[in-house]
Amino acid sequence: MRRALSAAVIAVLWLAAAPVRADVPSGSLAFLGGDYDTAVAKLETTAQVSQTSARAENLEDCYKGRSAHKAGHYDLAIAYQTRCIDQGGLTDDNLKAAYTRRGASYGRKGEYDRAIADYTAVIRLDPDNAFAYNNRGTAYHLKVEYDRAIRDYDRVIDLNSAAPTAYDNRANVYADMAEYEKAILDYTEAIRLDPGFANAYSNLGTTYDRMGEQKRAMKYYNEAIKLDPDNAVTYRNRGNGYFRRGEYGHAIQDYSEVIRLDGRDADVYSRRCKAHAVLGLAEDAMRDCEESLRLRPDDPDTLDSRALAYWLLGEPDLARSNLKRVRQIDPSRPIWQERFRSFKGMFE
């Protein structure tokens, strides 16, 4: 049976960028400096590459695609990389880079089959390309094709047994397959190879959490945060652990850190809303629920929590309206009415 993906960090290795040339257009130089939006604008409005060289034109499209991807314009990135590939005239190294970058853009869009096809094209050109196997394994993982993901990560490890990221990625798959002992062995090997690998500590904590060993999970979450205090995923996972243990105040602190680092996570606003509501902090809960629903309208978890907040605020009609909406979205869902006696009779 297929299982949902965990919140574990799935690391993606990137093919090394082509060497910087003296004649790289100014838009691409903006990309190299990290100013991606400026790069896209310049590359869209300026033709600075020599028209006498087909290869220069193709490389320009490659640079445009790379800049567009970094700026989050994935459709534009795919269009440029496709033109770069289709026009021909590329060296094998540049062709591999173009396929890899287009595959990454497809992956960002959730078009995993197309991403897999591009990484496979890289592997045909270079059967020992560990980056391509790693990225294809990640795409298979996200497709919940675990056996294929494992085979690709096995190949990465065959090619480079000292690559901690490959062990971490393979462990993520094992964890999602509920093969926790195998996952623990791989996370442990990743940490042995790189004692400062914060993601591996965080993912190991998540695995112990799933096994019900929450005390051990907290130990690894704490170590991950010590190594990387700006890792939103670890705070999120530790916050979930605190929530499951009923330590709602600690959960709220961790969710607040996630929001400080990434204010676009609707699920974290929803969870913090619920923690506030359980503690009776109705106004705080309401603010979080409203932000969660702005980011992700009609989310049943958030509507459920907002119903409790309305009930606490003395607004039973609004609470009832939210619960009815939850019922419409998911009729089989257990809601606060069944879990709290104070909600008895809400539908009567």
Protein backbone atom coordinates (compact mmCIF):
# COMPACT_ATOMS: atom_id res chain seq x y z
CA MET A 1 0.00 0.00 0.00
CA ARG A 2 1.28 3.45 -0.86
CA ARG A 3 1.97 5.80 2.00
CA ALA A 4 1.95 9.57 2.11
CA LEU A 5 5.28 11.31 1.97
CA SER A 6 6.80 12.43 5.25
CA ALA A 7 7.92 15.94 6.11
CA ALA A 8 11.51 14.73 5.77
CA VAL A 9 13.86 16.94 3.86
CA ILE A 10 14.46 15.58 0.35
CA ALA A 11 17.78 16.95 -0.84
CA VAL A 12 18.36 17.50 -4.55
CA LEU A 13 21.89 17.67 -5.92
CA TRP A 14 22.49 20.11 -8.76
CA LEU A 15 24.67 19.58 -11.77
CA ALA A 16 27.59 21.97 -11.63
CA ALA A 17 27.00 25.15 -13.62
CA ALA A 18 28.90 25.70 -16.84
CA PRO A 19 32.13 27.70 -16.39
CA VAL A 20 31.66 31.47 -16.37
CA ARG A 21 32.84 32.99 -19.65
CA ALA A 22 34.03 36.54 -20.21
CA ASP A 23 31.27 37.09 -22.79
CA VAL A 24 28.35 36.01 -20.59
CA PRO A 25 25.52 38.53 -21.21
CA SER A 26 24.75 41.04 -18.47
CA GLY A 27 21.45 39.35 -17.63
CA SER A 28 23.30 36.13 -16.88
CA LEU A 29 25.81 38.04 -14.77
CA ALA A 30 22.85 39.32 -12.74
CA PHE A 31 21.84 35.67 -12.31
CA LEU A 32 25.31 34.75 -11.09
CA GLY A 33 25.07 37.56 -8.56
CA GLY A 34 21.76 36.22 -7.25
CA ASP A 35 19.58 39.04 -8.64
CA TYR A 36 17.28 36.64 -10.47
CA ASP A 37 14.37 38.96 -11.27
CA THR A 38 16.75 41.51 -12.79
CA ALA A 39 18.37 38.72 -14.77
CA VAL A 40 15.07 37.61 -16.23
CA ALA A 41 14.10 41.17 -17.13
CA LYS A 42 17.41 41.87 -18.86
CA LEU A 43 17.44 38.59 -20.71
CA GLU A 44 13.90 39.18 -21.90
CA THR A 45 14.57 42.69 -23.23
CA THR A 46 18.18 42.62 -24.43
CA ALA A 47 19.82 40.70 -27.28
CA GLN A 48 23.47 40.81 -26.34
CA VAL A 49 24.71 37.56 -27.74
CA SER A 50 26.45 37.34 -31.11
CA GLN A 51 24.09 36.34 -33.93
CA THR A 52 26.96 34.75 -35.86
CA SER A 53 27.32 31.80 -33.54
CA ALA A 54 24.54 29.23 -33.22
CA ARG A 55 26.22 27.85 -30.14
CA ALA A 56 26.28 31.30 -28.50
CA GLU A 57 22.56 31.67 -29.21
CA ASN A 58 21.87 28.28 -27.62
CA LEU A 59 23.94 29.10 -24.56
CA GLU A 60 22.01 32.34 -24.22
CA ASP A 61 18.78 30.33 -24.05
CA CYS A 62 20.42 28.09 -21.45
CA TYR A 63 21.35 31.11 -19.32
CA LYS A 64 17.84 32.51 -19.70
CA GLY A 65 16.33 29.20 -18.61
CA ARG A 66 18.62 28.95 -15.62
CA SER A 67 17.75 32.51 -14.52
CA ALA A 68 14.02 31.93 -15.00
CA HIS A 69 14.16 28.76 -12.88
CA LYS A 70 15.95 30.55 -10.05
CA ALA A 71 13.34 33.32 -10.16
CA GLY A 72 10.55 30.73 -9.89
CA HIS A 73 9.29 31.22 -13.46
CA TYR A 74 9.21 27.50 -14.26
CA ASP A 75 7.15 27.59 -17.45
CA LEU A 76 9.48 30.21 -18.88
CA ALA A 77 12.50 28.20 -17.75
CA ILE A 78 11.15 25.08 -19.48
CA ALA A 79 10.52 27.02 -22.71
CA TYR A 80 14.07 28.37 -22.79
CA GLN A 81 15.73 25.06 -21.93
CA THR A 82 13.59 23.30 -24.57
CA ARG A 83 14.70 25.80 -27.21
CA CYS A 84 18.28 25.42 -26.02
CA ILE A 85 18.04 21.62 -26.44
CA ASP A 86 16.08 21.57 -29.69
CA GLN A 87 18.26 24.04 -31.59
CA GLY A 88 21.27 21.77 -31.19
CA GLY A 89 24.92 22.75 -31.31
CA LEU A 90 25.62 22.03 -27.64
CA THR A 91 28.52 20.15 -26.18
CA ASP A 92 27.58 17.04 -24.22
CA ASP A 93 28.28 18.85 -20.94
CA ASN A 94 25.98 21.75 -21.84
CA LEU A 95 23.31 19.35 -23.10
CA LYS A 96 23.43 17.43 -19.82
CA ALA A 97 23.11 20.70 -17.93
CA ALA A 98 20.11 21.77 -20.03
CA TYR A 99 18.29 18.47 -19.47
CA THR A 100 19.07 18.62 -15.76
CA ARG A 101 17.79 22.16 -15.36
CA ARG A 102 14.65 21.47 -17.37
CA GLY A 103 14.06 18.37 -15.28
CA ALA A 104 14.36 20.50 -12.14
CA SER A 105 11.75 22.95 -13.48
CA TYR A 106 9.39 20.10 -14.34
CA GLY A 107 9.91 18.76 -10.84
CA ARG A 108 9.01 22.11 -9.28
CA LYS A 109 5.76 22.03 -11.24
CA GLY A 110 4.99 18.49 -10.07
CA GLU A 111 5.42 17.08 -13.59
CA TYR A 112 7.50 14.19 -12.37
CA ASP A 113 7.23 11.97 -15.45
CA ARG A 114 8.75 14.70 -17.59
CA ALA A 115 11.43 15.34 -14.99
CA ILE A 116 12.26 11.64 -14.99
CA ALA A 117 12.49 11.63 -18.79
CA ASP A 118 15.01 14.48 -18.71
CA TYR A 119 17.15 12.88 -16.01
CA THR A 120 17.06 9.63 -17.99
CA ALA A 121 18.34 11.56 -21.02
CA VAL A 122 21.28 12.73 -18.91
CA ILE A 123 21.98 9.14 -17.85
CA ARG A 124 22.00 8.01 -21.50
CA LEU A 125 24.66 10.63 -22.20
CA ASP A 126 26.58 9.81 -19.04
CA PRO A 127 25.73 6.44 -17.43
CA ASP A 128 27.86 7.27 -14.36
CA ASN A 129 26.24 10.63 -13.61
CA ALA A 130 25.44 10.46 -9.91
CA PHE A 131 23.59 13.79 -9.95
CA ALA A 132 21.09 12.52 -12.51
CA TYR A 133 20.44 9.29 -10.59
CA ASN A 134 19.95 11.29 -7.40
CA ASN A 135 17.51 13.73 -9.00
CA ARG A 136 15.61 10.97 -10.77
CA GLY A 137 15.40 9.07 -7.49
CA THR A 138 13.87 12.16 -5.88
CA ALA A 139 11.28 12.38 -8.68
CA TYR A 140 10.40 8.70 -8.23
CA HIS A 141 10.11 9.27 -4.48
CA LEU A 142 7.71 12.17 -5.03
CA LYS A 143 5.70 9.92 -7.38
CA VAL A 144 5.55 7.37 -4.55
CA GLU A 145 7.41 4.84 -6.73
CA TYR A 146 9.58 3.74 -3.88
CA ASP A 147 11.31 0.71 -5.42
CA ARG A 148 12.56 2.77 -8.36
CA ALA A 149 13.69 5.54 -6.05
CA ILE A 150 15.66 3.06 -3.95
CA ARG A 151 17.35 1.63 -7.07
CA ASP A 152 18.47 5.09 -8.17
CA TYR A 153 19.83 5.97 -4.73
CA ASP A 154 21.59 2.59 -4.63
CA ARG A 155 23.29 3.57 -7.88
CA VAL A 156 24.37 6.93 -6.44
CA ILE A 157 25.94 5.13 -3.49
CA ASP A 158 27.63 2.64 -5.83
CA LEU A 159 29.16 5.59 -7.68
CA ASN A 160 30.11 7.47 -4.52
CA SER A 161 29.82 5.61 -1.25
CA ALA A 162 30.97 8.70 0.67
CA ALA A 163 27.98 10.86 -0.38
CA PRO A 164 25.94 11.58 2.78
CA THR A 165 23.04 13.11 0.84
CA ALA A 166 22.42 9.85 -1.02
CA TYR A 167 22.11 7.93 2.26
CA ASP A 168 19.78 10.61 3.64
CA ASN A 169 17.60 10.50 0.53
CA ARG A 170 17.41 6.71 0.53
CA ALA A 171 16.54 6.78 4.22
CA ASN A 172 13.65 9.15 3.48
CA VAL A 173 12.21 6.54 1.12
CA TYR A 174 12.67 3.73 3.62
CA ALA A 175 10.92 5.87 6.25
CA ASP A 176 7.96 6.43 3.94
CA MET A 177 7.84 2.66 3.37
CA ALA A 178 7.70 2.22 7.18
CA GLU A 179 11.01 0.33 7.01
CA TYR A 180 12.27 2.32 9.94
CA GLU A 181 15.27 0.22 10.90
CA LYS A 182 16.71 0.57 7.38
CA ALA A 183 16.00 4.30 7.49
CA ILE A 184 17.80 4.66 10.82
CA LEU A 185 20.85 2.82 9.46
CA ASP A 186 21.04 5.16 6.45
CA TYR A 187 20.52 8.34 8.48
CA THR A 188 23.20 7.17 10.89
CA GLU A 189 25.61 6.55 8.02
CA ALA A 190 24.87 10.02 6.60
CA ILE A 191 25.70 11.55 9.98
CA ARG A 192 28.87 9.46 10.26
CA LEU A 193 30.00 10.78 6.89
CA ASP A 194 29.01 14.35 7.75
CA PRO A 195 28.59 15.02 11.49
CA GLY A 196 27.28 18.50 10.69
CA PHE A 197 24.47 17.26 8.41
CA ALA A 198 21.49 18.95 10.09
CA ASN A 199 18.89 17.50 7.72
CA ALA A 200 19.90 13.95 8.57
CA TYR A 201 19.47 14.65 12.30
CA SER A 202 16.05 16.22 11.61
CA ASN A 203 14.92 13.30 9.47
CA LEU A 204 16.16 10.82 12.05
CA GLY A 205 14.05 12.66 14.61
CA THR A 206 11.02 12.38 12.34
CA THR A 207 11.58 8.63 11.99
CA TYR A 208 11.76 8.09 15.75
CA ASP A 209 8.64 10.27 16.09
CA ARG A 210 6.79 7.95 13.71
CA MET A 211 7.95 4.98 15.75
CA GLY A 212 6.47 6.55 18.88
CA GLU A 213 9.88 7.18 20.47
CA GLN A 214 9.24 10.85 21.08
CA LYS A 215 11.95 11.42 23.66
CA ARG A 216 14.59 10.16 21.25
CA ALA A 217 12.99 12.15 18.43
CA MET A 218 13.31 15.37 20.43
CA LYS A 219 17.00 14.67 21.00
CA TYR A 220 17.65 14.62 17.25
CA TYR A 221 15.40 17.61 16.52
CA ASN A 222 17.33 19.61 19.12
CA GLU A 223 20.65 18.60 17.59
CA ALA A 224 19.42 19.56 14.11
CA ILE A 225 18.35 23.00 15.33
CA LYS A 226 21.68 23.50 17.07
CA LEU A 227 23.45 22.79 13.77
CA ASP A 228 21.03 24.82 11.63
CA PRO A 229 18.91 27.26 13.64
CA ASP A 230 17.19 28.56 10.50
CA ASN A 231 15.78 25.25 9.27
CA ALA A 232 12.00 25.72 9.15
CA VAL A 233 11.32 22.02 8.48
CA THR A 234 12.96 20.97 11.75
CA TYR A 235 10.98 23.47 13.80
CA ARG A 236 7.84 22.25 12.06
CA ASN A 237 8.60 18.61 12.84
CA ARG A 238 9.53 19.33 16.45
CA GLY A 239 6.40 21.46 16.83
CA ASN A 240 4.30 18.56 15.59
CA GLY A 241 6.01 16.33 18.13
CA TYR A 242 5.20 18.73 20.95
CA PHE A 243 1.60 18.97 19.74
CA ARG A 244 1.16 15.19 19.78
CA ARG A 245 2.47 15.14 23.36
CA GLY A 246 -0.02 17.84 24.38
CA GLU A 247 2.73 20.41 24.96
CA TYR A 248 0.83 23.12 23.10
CA GLY A 249 2.85 26.07 24.39
CA HIS A 250 6.09 24.57 23.09
CA ALA A 251 4.34 23.66 19.83
CA ILE A 252 3.25 27.28 19.40
CA GLN A 253 6.83 28.48 19.93
CA ASP A 254 8.15 26.16 17.23
CA TYR A 255 5.33 26.99 14.79
CA SER A 256 6.10 30.67 15.36
CA GLU A 257 9.69 30.04 14.33
CA VAL A 258 8.50 28.34 11.15
CA ILE A 259 6.32 31.34 10.35
CA ARG A 260 9.24 33.70 11.01
CA LEU A 261 11.36 31.74 8.56
CA ASP A 262 8.62 30.98 6.02
CA GLY A 263 5.38 32.90 6.36
CA ARG A 264 3.72 31.04 3.47
CA ASP A 265 3.14 27.67 5.19
CA ALA A 266 -0.64 27.37 5.47
CA ASP A 267 -0.43 24.09 7.38
CA VAL A 268 1.66 25.65 10.15
CA TYR A 269 -0.79 28.53 10.56
CA SER A 270 -3.55 25.91 10.79
CA ARG A 271 -1.70 23.90 13.41
CA ARG A 272 -0.85 26.97 15.47
CA CYS A 273 -4.50 28.00 15.23
CA LYS A 274 -5.53 24.64 16.67
CA ALA A 275 -2.93 24.85 19.47
CA HIS A 276 -4.16 28.33 20.40
CA ALA A 277 -7.77 27.13 20.35
CA VAL A 278 -7.04 24.13 22.58
CA LEU A 279 -5.41 26.51 25.08
CA GLY A 280 -8.48 28.74 24.95
CA LEU A 281 -6.67 31.59 23.16
CA ALA A 282 -9.53 32.21 20.78
CA GLU A 283 -8.45 35.55 19.29
CA ASP A 284 -4.94 34.28 18.53
CA ALA A 285 -6.47 31.14 17.05
CA MET A 286 -8.80 33.17 14.86
CA ARG A 287 -5.93 35.25 13.41
CA ASP A 288 -4.00 32.12 12.50
CA CYS A 289 -7.03 30.39 11.00
CA GLU A 290 -7.82 33.40 8.84
CA GLU A 291 -4.26 33.50 7.49
CA SER A 292 -4.27 29.75 6.85
CA LEU A 293 -7.55 30.00 4.93
CA ARG A 294 -6.23 32.94 2.94
CA LEU A 295 -3.32 30.77 1.82
CA ARG A 296 -5.38 27.60 1.44
CA PRO A 297 -9.15 28.25 1.19
CA ASP A 298 -11.63 25.65 2.41
CA ASP A 299 -9.03 23.56 4.24
CA PRO A 300 -11.12 21.27 6.50
CA ASP A 301 -8.52 21.15 9.31
CA THR A 302 -8.50 24.93 9.54
CA LEU A 303 -12.29 25.27 9.28
CA ASP A 304 -12.58 22.71 12.07
CA SER A 305 -10.22 24.71 14.29
CA ARG A 306 -11.93 28.00 13.42
CA ALA A 307 -15.22 26.47 14.52
CA LEU A 308 -13.76 25.87 17.96
CA ALA A 309 -12.38 29.42 18.04
CA TYR A 310 -15.82 30.82 17.18
CA TRP A 311 -17.38 28.65 19.88
CA LEU A 312 -14.91 29.99 22.44
CA LEU A 313 -15.68 33.55 21.31
CA GLY A 314 -19.38 32.98 21.95
CA GLU A 315 -20.37 32.78 18.27
CA PRO A 316 -22.19 29.41 18.03
CA ASP A 317 -23.88 30.22 14.71
CA LEU A 318 -20.54 30.89 13.03
CA ALA A 319 -19.08 27.78 14.68
CA ARG A 320 -22.00 25.74 13.35
CA SER A 321 -21.54 27.20 9.86
CA ASN A 322 -17.86 26.20 9.82
CA LEU A 323 -18.62 22.67 10.94
CA LYS A 324 -21.31 22.28 8.30
CA ARG A 325 -18.76 23.37 5.69
CA VAL A 326 -16.35 20.72 6.99
CA ARG A 327 -19.10 18.13 6.62
CA GLN A 328 -19.69 19.21 3.02
CA ILE A 329 -16.00 18.90 2.16
CA ASP A 330 -15.44 15.59 3.98
CA PRO A 331 -18.59 13.88 5.32
CA SER A 332 -16.63 11.09 7.01
CA ARG A 333 -14.34 13.41 8.96
CA PRO A 334 -14.49 13.41 12.79
CA ILE A 335 -14.85 17.00 13.95
CA TRP A 336 -14.77 18.90 17.22
CA GLN A 337 -18.45 18.13 17.79
CA GLU A 338 -17.59 14.48 18.41
CA ARG A 339 -14.51 15.26 20.49
CA PHE A 340 -15.77 17.96 22.83
CA ARG A 341 -18.93 17.69 24.89
CA SER A 342 -19.34 21.45 24.76
CA PHE A 343 -20.20 21.04 21.07
CA LYS A 344 -23.05 18.65 21.78
CA GLY A 345 -26.20 19.69 20.04
CA MET A 346 -24.53 22.05 17.60
CA PHE A 347 -26.32 20.44 14.68
CA GLU A 348 -29.65 20.04 16.47
